[in-house]
Amino acid sequence: MSLTNRYDFVLLFDVKDGNPNGDPDAGNLPRVDTETGKGLVTDVSLKRKVRNYVGLVKEEQPPYEIYIKEKAILNQQHERAYIAIGAEELLKGDSKKRKGGDKVNEARSWMCRNFFDVRTFGAVMSTGVNCGQVRGPVQLTFARSVDPIFAQEHSITRMAVATEAEAEKQEGDNRTMGRKHTVPYGLYVAHGFVSAPLAGQTGFSETDLELLWQALENMFEHDRSAARGEMATRGLLVFKHDSKLGNAHAHALFERIDVERLAVDKPARTFSDYRVLFDGQPLDEVIQPAENRNMGNGVTLIRRV
């Protein structure tokens, strides 16, 4: 079933004693807005976790294969599309680089049907073997921390070396020093959007939407690592519009949700140090998890978490 409603959503998640999204251009330090000191997590990082969750749950089987994944060779996936639609001859010579045509459209449709992340987030598939481009119905912003973060740097020791030469140089001491960066605590907020008209173009369905919500709720449970410490989804608030095009501006809906720091005289270290507000009231007093609230303007607030 294709979508008949527009959705906008707010995702809240936190990190404790971990690095939620290191910046390789800055020695893998946690990403930060240098002007405000607030932490950042890229949309690419969040989409990666969604992809990993869907691939794990659906075992990479069509129609839930993952296009952008570790060690993937994208043109090989494009070739599969041309073989599946019976157009193998177009893979020979320069014809595979055609910029348009019915077969390109057929190949693009095949990619949408088989790959969850293509029909969800979109993809540029015109690299070599041309399957066109897809504009995805689901988009995410960077996540930004509620308060400035303080990145701590820790020295760590590995009681081993990689080569015999290193061992001889250290006269048998055999230890390797390293560095690790963590955020003691940070609560992050990201915004997301689901376009019903674009969903109709890619085949993104109600079933796919429910899987997306499940992924956003549970993606951190299957993304554990020593580097990321403790991360958890703390809130997923979904605004469902009564129409395809929407009944309110997304920014106006997002502005109705605020996060308040309870104790300003000490650093925040847990989620309980904050309170989520809706129209200035504590969220728990307005709506409980797994409940809906009709906001009276053609929009329904759904609290998933």
Protein backbone atom coordinates (compact mmCIF):
# COMPACT_ATOMS: atom_id res chain seq x y z
CA MET A 1 0.00 0.00 0.00
CA SER A 2 1.40 3.38 -0.99
CA LEU A 3 1.42 6.20 1.52
CA THR A 4 -1.54 8.55 1.67
CA ASN A 5 -0.18 10.75 4.48
CA ARG A 6 2.79 13.01 5.02
CA TYR A 7 4.84 12.48 8.16
CA ASP A 8 7.34 14.61 10.07
CA PHE A 9 9.16 13.20 13.08
CA VAL A 10 11.50 14.04 15.93
CA LEU A 11 14.13 11.55 17.08
CA LEU A 12 15.81 11.90 20.49
CA PHE A 13 18.77 9.72 21.42
CA ASP A 14 21.62 9.92 23.88
CA VAL A 15 25.18 8.72 24.36
CA LYS A 16 27.06 8.01 27.57
CA ASP A 17 30.83 7.62 27.71
CA GLY A 18 31.11 7.09 23.98
CA ASN A 19 31.76 8.72 20.63
CA PRO A 20 28.47 8.87 18.70
CA ASN A 21 30.00 9.98 15.40
CA GLY A 22 33.73 10.59 15.03
CA ASP A 23 35.12 13.04 12.49
CA PRO A 24 37.98 11.43 10.49
CA ASP A 25 39.23 14.89 9.49
CA ALA A 26 39.70 15.79 13.17
CA GLY A 27 41.45 12.73 14.57
CA ASN A 28 38.08 10.98 15.06
CA LEU A 29 37.00 13.49 17.68
CA PRO A 30 33.22 13.68 18.23
CA ARG A 31 31.69 16.02 15.66
CA VAL A 32 30.91 19.45 17.03
CA ASP A 33 29.53 22.81 15.94
CA THR A 34 32.60 24.93 16.62
CA GLU A 35 30.57 28.12 17.16
CA THR A 36 28.19 26.72 19.81
CA GLY A 37 30.07 23.69 21.12
CA LYS A 38 27.02 21.50 20.51
CA GLY A 39 27.61 17.97 19.28
CA LEU A 40 26.61 16.75 15.84
CA VAL A 41 25.74 13.37 14.37
CA THR A 42 25.40 13.29 10.59
CA ASP A 43 22.34 12.08 8.72
CA VAL A 44 24.63 9.57 6.97
CA SER A 45 25.53 8.02 10.33
CA LEU A 46 21.87 7.64 11.30
CA LYS A 47 20.94 6.17 7.92
CA ARG A 48 23.80 3.68 8.28
CA LYS A 49 22.28 2.38 11.51
CA VAL A 50 18.84 2.10 9.90
CA ARG A 51 20.35 0.14 7.01
CA ASN A 52 22.21 -2.17 9.37
CA TYR A 53 19.07 -2.87 11.40
CA VAL A 54 16.93 -3.63 8.35
CA GLY A 55 19.63 -5.84 6.86
CA LEU A 56 19.88 -7.74 10.14
CA VAL A 57 16.14 -8.19 10.65
CA LYS A 58 15.29 -9.02 7.03
CA GLU A 59 18.48 -11.01 6.39
CA GLU A 60 19.27 -9.06 3.20
CA GLN A 61 16.48 -10.76 1.26
CA PRO A 62 14.43 -8.98 -1.43
CA PRO A 63 12.57 -6.68 -1.19
CA TYR A 64 14.76 -5.68 1.78
CA GLU A 65 18.25 -5.91 0.35
CA ILE A 66 20.63 -3.07 1.26
CA TYR A 67 22.33 -1.18 -1.57
CA ILE A 68 24.85 0.90 0.42
CA LYS A 69 26.64 -1.55 2.68
CA GLU A 70 30.15 -2.49 3.71
CA LYS A 71 32.37 -3.66 0.85
CA ALA A 72 29.55 -3.30 -1.68
CA ILE A 73 30.41 -2.93 -5.39
CA LEU A 74 27.59 -0.78 -6.67
CA ASN A 75 27.93 -1.45 -10.39
CA GLN A 76 27.51 -5.16 -9.75
CA GLN A 77 24.09 -4.41 -8.27
CA HIS A 78 23.27 -2.29 -11.33
CA GLU A 79 24.23 -5.19 -13.60
CA ARG A 80 21.83 -7.44 -11.68
CA ALA A 81 19.02 -5.03 -12.54
CA TYR A 82 19.74 -5.17 -16.28
CA ILE A 83 19.97 -8.97 -16.21
CA ALA A 84 16.70 -9.19 -14.28
CA ILE A 85 14.82 -7.08 -16.86
CA GLY A 86 16.29 -9.04 -19.77
CA ALA A 87 18.55 -6.31 -21.09
CA GLU A 88 21.96 -7.97 -20.75
CA GLU A 89 23.02 -6.74 -24.18
CA LEU A 90 23.08 -3.17 -22.85
CA LEU A 91 25.89 -4.13 -20.48
CA LYS A 92 28.26 -4.52 -23.42
CA GLY A 93 30.42 -1.69 -24.61
CA ASP A 94 29.49 1.97 -24.12
CA SER A 95 25.74 1.33 -24.21
CA LYS A 96 25.79 0.67 -20.47
CA LYS A 97 26.47 4.38 -19.94
CA ARG A 98 23.27 5.59 -21.61
CA LYS A 99 21.75 8.54 -19.77
CA GLY A 100 18.10 7.71 -20.36
CA GLY A 101 15.62 5.41 -22.03
CA ASP A 102 13.01 2.87 -21.10
CA LYS A 103 15.53 0.28 -19.95
CA VAL A 104 17.14 2.72 -17.55
CA ASN A 105 13.72 3.42 -16.08
CA GLU A 106 12.99 -0.31 -15.82
CA ALA A 107 16.34 -0.88 -14.11
CA ARG A 108 15.64 1.96 -11.68
CA SER A 109 12.25 0.46 -10.84
CA TRP A 110 13.86 -2.94 -10.25
CA MET A 111 16.36 -1.38 -7.86
CA CYS A 112 13.54 0.32 -5.95
CA ARG A 113 11.58 -2.92 -5.65
CA ASN A 114 14.51 -4.94 -4.33
CA PHE A 115 16.52 -2.51 -2.18
CA PHE A 116 14.94 -1.03 0.94
CA ASP A 117 17.39 1.85 1.24
CA VAL A 118 16.99 2.87 -2.43
CA ARG A 119 13.23 3.27 -2.18
CA THR A 120 13.56 4.84 1.29
CA PHE A 121 16.51 7.24 1.11
CA GLY A 122 17.06 7.40 -2.65
CA ALA A 123 20.33 6.83 -4.52
CA VAL A 124 22.50 8.04 -7.38
CA MET A 125 22.87 4.92 -9.54
CA SER A 126 24.40 6.40 -12.69
CA THR A 127 27.97 5.32 -11.91
CA GLY A 128 29.19 3.31 -14.90
CA VAL A 129 26.23 0.98 -15.35
CA ASN A 130 23.40 3.50 -15.45
CA CYS A 131 20.29 2.80 -13.36
CA GLY A 132 19.37 6.46 -13.06
CA GLN A 133 18.72 8.42 -9.88
CA VAL A 134 16.10 8.06 -7.16
CA ARG A 135 14.94 10.83 -4.87
CA GLY A 136 14.01 9.17 -1.59
CA PRO A 137 10.84 9.98 0.36
CA VAL A 138 12.60 9.78 3.75
CA GLN A 139 15.10 12.43 4.75
CA LEU A 140 16.91 13.11 8.02
CA THR A 141 18.73 16.16 9.34
CA PHE A 142 21.96 16.21 11.31
CA ALA A 143 21.29 15.47 14.97
CA ARG A 144 22.35 18.25 17.31
CA SER A 145 22.94 17.95 21.05
CA VAL A 146 20.70 19.91 23.40
CA ASP A 147 23.70 21.28 25.33
CA PRO A 148 27.34 21.83 24.37
CA ILE A 149 29.36 18.64 24.66
CA PHE A 150 32.76 18.18 26.26
CA ALA A 151 34.94 15.69 24.39
CA GLN A 152 37.32 13.83 26.68
CA GLU A 153 40.52 12.22 25.45
CA HIS A 154 41.81 9.06 27.10
CA SER A 155 45.12 7.24 26.76
CA ILE A 156 44.68 3.50 26.28
CA THR A 157 47.20 0.68 26.29
CA ARG A 158 47.32 -2.54 24.28
CA MET A 159 49.54 -5.14 25.95
CA ALA A 160 50.78 -6.40 22.61
CA VAL A 161 52.64 -5.26 19.52
CA ALA A 162 52.06 -6.10 15.88
CA THR A 163 55.55 -7.24 14.78
CA GLU A 164 58.68 -8.87 16.14
CA ALA A 165 60.62 -5.72 15.24
CA GLU A 166 58.41 -3.67 17.59
CA ALA A 167 58.94 -6.22 20.37
CA GLU A 168 62.73 -6.09 19.95
CA LYS A 169 62.67 -2.31 19.96
CA GLN A 170 60.77 -2.30 23.27
CA GLU A 171 63.00 -5.05 24.71
CA GLY A 172 60.00 -7.29 25.37
CA ASP A 173 57.80 -4.67 27.02
CA ASN A 174 55.31 -5.22 24.19
CA ARG A 175 52.78 -2.47 24.65
CA THR A 176 51.13 -0.05 22.24
CA MET A 177 49.69 3.29 23.30
CA GLY A 178 46.59 4.76 21.73
CA ARG A 179 43.95 7.47 22.19
CA LYS A 180 40.20 7.24 22.69
CA HIS A 181 37.66 10.09 22.57
CA THR A 182 34.37 10.06 24.45
CA VAL A 183 31.46 12.32 25.35
CA PRO A 184 30.54 11.90 29.06
CA TYR A 185 26.88 12.47 28.19
CA GLY A 186 24.95 14.04 25.36
CA LEU A 187 21.27 14.16 24.41
CA TYR A 188 20.76 14.65 20.66
CA VAL A 189 17.74 15.70 18.59
CA ALA A 190 17.24 14.99 14.87
CA HIS A 191 14.33 15.83 12.59
CA GLY A 192 12.95 13.68 9.78
CA PHE A 193 10.49 13.91 6.93
CA VAL A 194 8.45 11.40 4.93
CA SER A 195 6.98 12.57 1.60
CA ALA A 196 3.93 10.66 0.38
CA PRO A 197 4.25 11.83 -3.27
CA LEU A 198 7.88 10.69 -3.44
CA ALA A 199 6.95 7.43 -1.72
CA GLY A 200 4.55 6.78 -4.57
CA GLN A 201 7.40 7.19 -7.06
CA THR A 202 9.75 4.73 -5.32
CA GLY A 203 7.21 2.21 -4.03
CA PHE A 204 7.87 3.03 -0.38
CA SER A 205 4.88 1.45 1.39
CA GLU A 206 3.09 1.43 4.72
CA THR A 207 4.98 -1.79 5.52
CA ASP A 208 8.28 -0.04 4.79
CA LEU A 209 7.23 2.88 6.98
CA GLU A 210 6.50 0.59 9.94
CA LEU A 211 9.90 -1.03 9.45
CA LEU A 212 11.52 2.43 9.44
CA TRP A 213 9.88 3.28 12.78
CA GLN A 214 11.07 -0.03 14.23
CA ALA A 215 14.59 0.65 13.00
CA LEU A 216 14.70 4.13 14.56
CA GLU A 217 13.43 2.69 17.84
CA ASN A 218 15.86 -0.24 18.00
CA MET A 219 18.87 0.57 15.82
CA PHE A 220 21.21 1.33 18.73
CA GLU A 221 20.44 -2.03 20.38
CA HIS A 222 22.31 -3.77 17.57
CA ASP A 223 25.08 -1.21 17.05
CA ARG A 224 27.13 -1.74 20.19
CA SER A 225 30.86 -1.13 20.17
CA ALA A 226 33.56 -0.12 22.62
CA ALA A 227 33.85 3.23 20.86
CA ARG A 228 30.18 4.20 21.09
CA GLY A 229 29.63 3.53 24.79
CA GLU A 230 25.94 3.44 25.66
CA MET A 231 23.54 4.83 23.06
CA ALA A 232 19.75 4.58 23.13
CA THR A 233 16.68 6.01 21.44
CA ARG A 234 14.91 8.13 24.06
CA GLY A 235 12.02 9.43 22.00
CA LEU A 236 10.36 9.05 18.61
CA LEU A 237 7.55 11.53 18.08
CA VAL A 238 5.70 11.30 14.77
CA PHE A 239 3.42 13.96 13.29
CA LYS A 240 0.95 12.31 10.89
CA HIS A 241 -0.82 14.65 8.48
CA ASP A 242 -4.32 13.96 7.20
CA SER A 243 -3.25 14.53 3.59
CA LYS A 244 -0.46 13.68 1.18
CA LEU A 245 0.84 17.24 1.01
CA GLY A 246 0.49 18.01 4.72
CA ASN A 247 -1.63 20.22 6.94
CA ALA A 248 1.07 22.27 8.70
CA HIS A 249 4.63 23.44 8.22
CA ALA A 250 7.20 21.02 9.57
CA HIS A 251 9.14 23.73 11.41
CA ALA A 252 5.98 24.87 13.21
CA LEU A 253 5.40 21.33 14.46
CA PHE A 254 9.00 20.85 15.55
CA GLU A 255 8.94 24.13 17.49
CA ARG A 256 6.19 22.74 19.70
CA ILE A 257 8.65 20.22 21.13
CA ASP A 258 11.37 21.43 23.46
CA VAL A 259 13.89 19.82 25.79
CA GLU A 260 14.49 21.42 29.18
CA ARG A 261 17.51 20.94 31.38
CA LEU A 262 16.34 20.35 34.95
CA ALA A 263 19.49 21.00 36.99
CA VAL A 264 21.62 23.75 35.49
CA ASP A 265 24.07 23.85 38.41
CA LYS A 266 25.67 20.51 37.51
CA PRO A 267 26.62 18.74 34.29
CA ALA A 268 24.00 16.45 32.76
CA ARG A 269 24.92 12.79 32.97
CA THR A 270 21.61 10.94 32.42
CA PHE A 271 18.39 11.32 30.46
CA SER A 272 16.59 12.04 33.74
CA ASP A 273 18.51 15.33 33.90
CA TYR A 274 16.22 16.55 31.10
CA ARG A 275 12.51 16.91 30.52
CA VAL A 276 10.80 16.81 27.12
CA LEU A 277 8.05 19.40 26.70
CA PHE A 278 5.17 19.69 24.25
CA ASP A 279 3.61 23.15 24.05
CA GLY A 280 5.36 23.94 27.34
CA GLN A 281 3.89 20.93 29.19
CA PRO A 282 5.80 17.79 30.19
CA LEU A 283 5.37 15.28 27.39
CA ASP A 284 4.35 12.50 29.80
CA GLU A 285 1.38 14.61 30.87
CA VAL A 286 0.30 15.21 27.28
CA ILE A 287 0.70 11.79 25.70
CA GLN A 288 2.03 8.41 26.82
CA PRO A 289 4.16 6.09 24.66
CA ALA A 290 2.20 4.10 22.05
CA GLU A 291 -0.63 6.66 22.19
CA ASN A 292 -2.00 9.12 19.63
CA ARG A 293 -3.26 12.65 20.13
CA ASN A 294 -5.39 14.51 17.60
CA MET A 295 -4.00 18.04 17.53
CA GLY A 296 -7.10 19.44 15.83
CA ASN A 297 -5.37 20.97 12.80
CA GLY A 298 -5.31 17.97 10.54
CA VAL A 299 -2.24 16.55 12.33
CA THR A 300 -2.05 13.65 14.79
CA LEU A 301 0.85 13.28 17.22
CA ILE A 302 1.97 9.67 17.59
CA ARG A 303 4.38 8.86 20.40
CA ARG A 304 6.27 5.72 19.42
CA VAL A 305 8.79 5.93 22.28
